[in-house]
């Protein structure tokens, strides 16, 4: 039970999209957004893109999603979890 509470607290703390600046193959400035995890969804990526680009708007260059699962066996017992890896590449409109 204690482990479950700790995990839920960690999920709440990490419920925002992670953003990093990058460049496309053509040299255009872009942003890589990661909104993976059970507490995150596409809405987190879309909000982060809107916050980055503001009223100019943005263009979605790429978007990917993949279900993931992990499992481990420790002296405390068996632990399994399911998650989703989500990422999006956007560029701000000029």
Protein backbone atom coordinates (compact mmCIF):
# COMPACT_ATOMS: atom_id res chain seq x y z
CA UNK A 1 0.00 0.00 0.00
CA UNK A 2 2.83 2.37 0.85
CA UNK A 3 4.45 1.75 -2.55
CA UNK A 4 1.16 2.50 -4.30
CA UNK A 5 0.84 5.85 -2.52
CA UNK A 6 4.42 6.77 -3.44
CA UNK A 7 3.81 5.85 -7.08
CA UNK A 8 0.62 7.93 -7.24
CA UNK A 9 2.45 10.94 -5.79
CA UNK A 10 5.19 10.56 -8.41
CA UNK A 11 2.58 10.44 -11.18
CA UNK A 12 0.96 13.64 -9.97
CA UNK A 13 4.30 15.46 -9.87
CA UNK A 14 5.19 14.40 -13.43
CA UNK A 15 1.90 15.22 -15.14
CA UNK A 16 3.18 17.96 -17.51
CA UNK A 17 4.67 17.65 -20.98
CA UNK A 18 8.46 17.71 -21.28
CA UNK A 19 9.70 20.16 -23.94
CA UNK A 20 13.06 20.38 -25.69
CA UNK A 21 14.15 22.65 -28.54
CA UNK A 22 15.40 20.93 -31.68
CA UNK A 23 15.70 21.47 -35.44
CA UNK A 24 14.18 19.69 -38.43
CA UNK A 25 16.27 18.20 -41.24
CA UNK A 26 15.72 21.41 -43.22
CA UNK A 27 17.05 23.55 -40.35
CA UNK A 28 13.67 24.83 -39.15
CA UNK A 29 13.41 25.43 -35.40
CA UNK A 30 11.05 22.93 -33.76
CA UNK A 31 10.08 21.58 -30.34
CA UNK A 32 10.01 17.97 -29.24
CA UNK A 33 7.21 17.39 -26.74
CA UNK A 34 6.99 14.28 -24.57
CA UNK A 35 3.70 13.59 -22.82
CA UNK A 36 4.23 9.94 -21.92
CA UNK A 37 2.79 8.15 -18.93
CA UNK A 38 -0.53 7.24 -17.42
CA UNK A 39 -1.07 10.70 -15.91
CA UNK A 40 -0.36 12.47 -19.21
CA UNK A 41 -2.27 12.57 -22.47
CA UNK A 42 -2.22 14.31 -25.82
CA UNK A 43 -3.92 17.27 -24.15
CA UNK A 44 -0.68 17.94 -22.23
CA UNK A 45 1.33 18.06 -25.48
CA UNK A 46 -1.24 20.27 -27.18
CA UNK A 47 -1.32 22.67 -24.22
CA UNK A 48 2.50 22.84 -24.14
CA UNK A 49 2.57 23.57 -27.90
CA UNK A 50 0.00 26.33 -27.44
CA UNK A 51 1.95 27.81 -24.53
CA UNK A 52 5.17 27.77 -26.59
CA UNK A 53 3.79 29.29 -29.76
CA UNK A 54 1.04 31.52 -28.38
CA UNK A 55 -1.31 33.34 -30.75
CA UNK A 56 0.85 32.51 -33.79
CA UNK A 57 -0.24 28.89 -33.57
CA UNK A 58 1.75 25.78 -34.39
CA UNK A 59 2.11 23.04 -36.97
CA UNK A 60 2.34 19.36 -35.91
CA UNK A 61 5.27 17.86 -37.84
CA UNK A 62 5.19 14.36 -36.30
CA UNK A 63 3.26 12.48 -33.66
CA UNK A 64 3.75 8.98 -32.25
CA UNK A 65 2.19 6.81 -29.58
CA UNK A 66 3.11 3.35 -28.30
CA UNK A 67 1.73 1.27 -25.44
CA UNK A 68 4.37 -0.03 -23.02
CA UNK A 69 4.40 -2.43 -20.09
CA UNK A 70 6.97 -3.23 -17.42
CA UNK A 71 7.18 -5.96 -14.83
CA UNK A 72 9.67 -6.80 -12.10
CA UNK A 73 10.03 -9.37 -9.37
CA UNK A 74 11.73 -8.28 -6.17
CA UNK A 75 11.99 -9.61 -2.66
CA UNK A 76 8.91 -7.47 -1.88
CA UNK A 77 6.83 -9.15 -4.56
CA UNK A 78 5.76 -8.78 -8.17
CA UNK A 79 5.14 -5.36 -9.73
CA UNK A 80 3.65 -4.64 -13.16
CA UNK A 81 2.53 -1.44 -14.83
CA UNK A 82 1.17 -0.29 -18.17
CA UNK A 83 1.90 3.08 -19.70
CA UNK A 84 1.92 4.91 -23.01
CA UNK A 85 4.85 6.61 -24.74
CA UNK A 86 3.64 9.74 -26.53
CA UNK A 87 5.74 12.29 -28.39
CA UNK A 88 5.04 15.13 -30.76
CA UNK A 89 7.23 17.39 -32.90
CA UNK A 90 5.85 20.89 -33.56
CA UNK A 91 7.01 24.12 -35.12
CA UNK A 92 5.59 27.54 -34.36
CA UNK A 93 3.92 29.38 -37.22
CA UNK A 94 5.74 32.49 -38.33
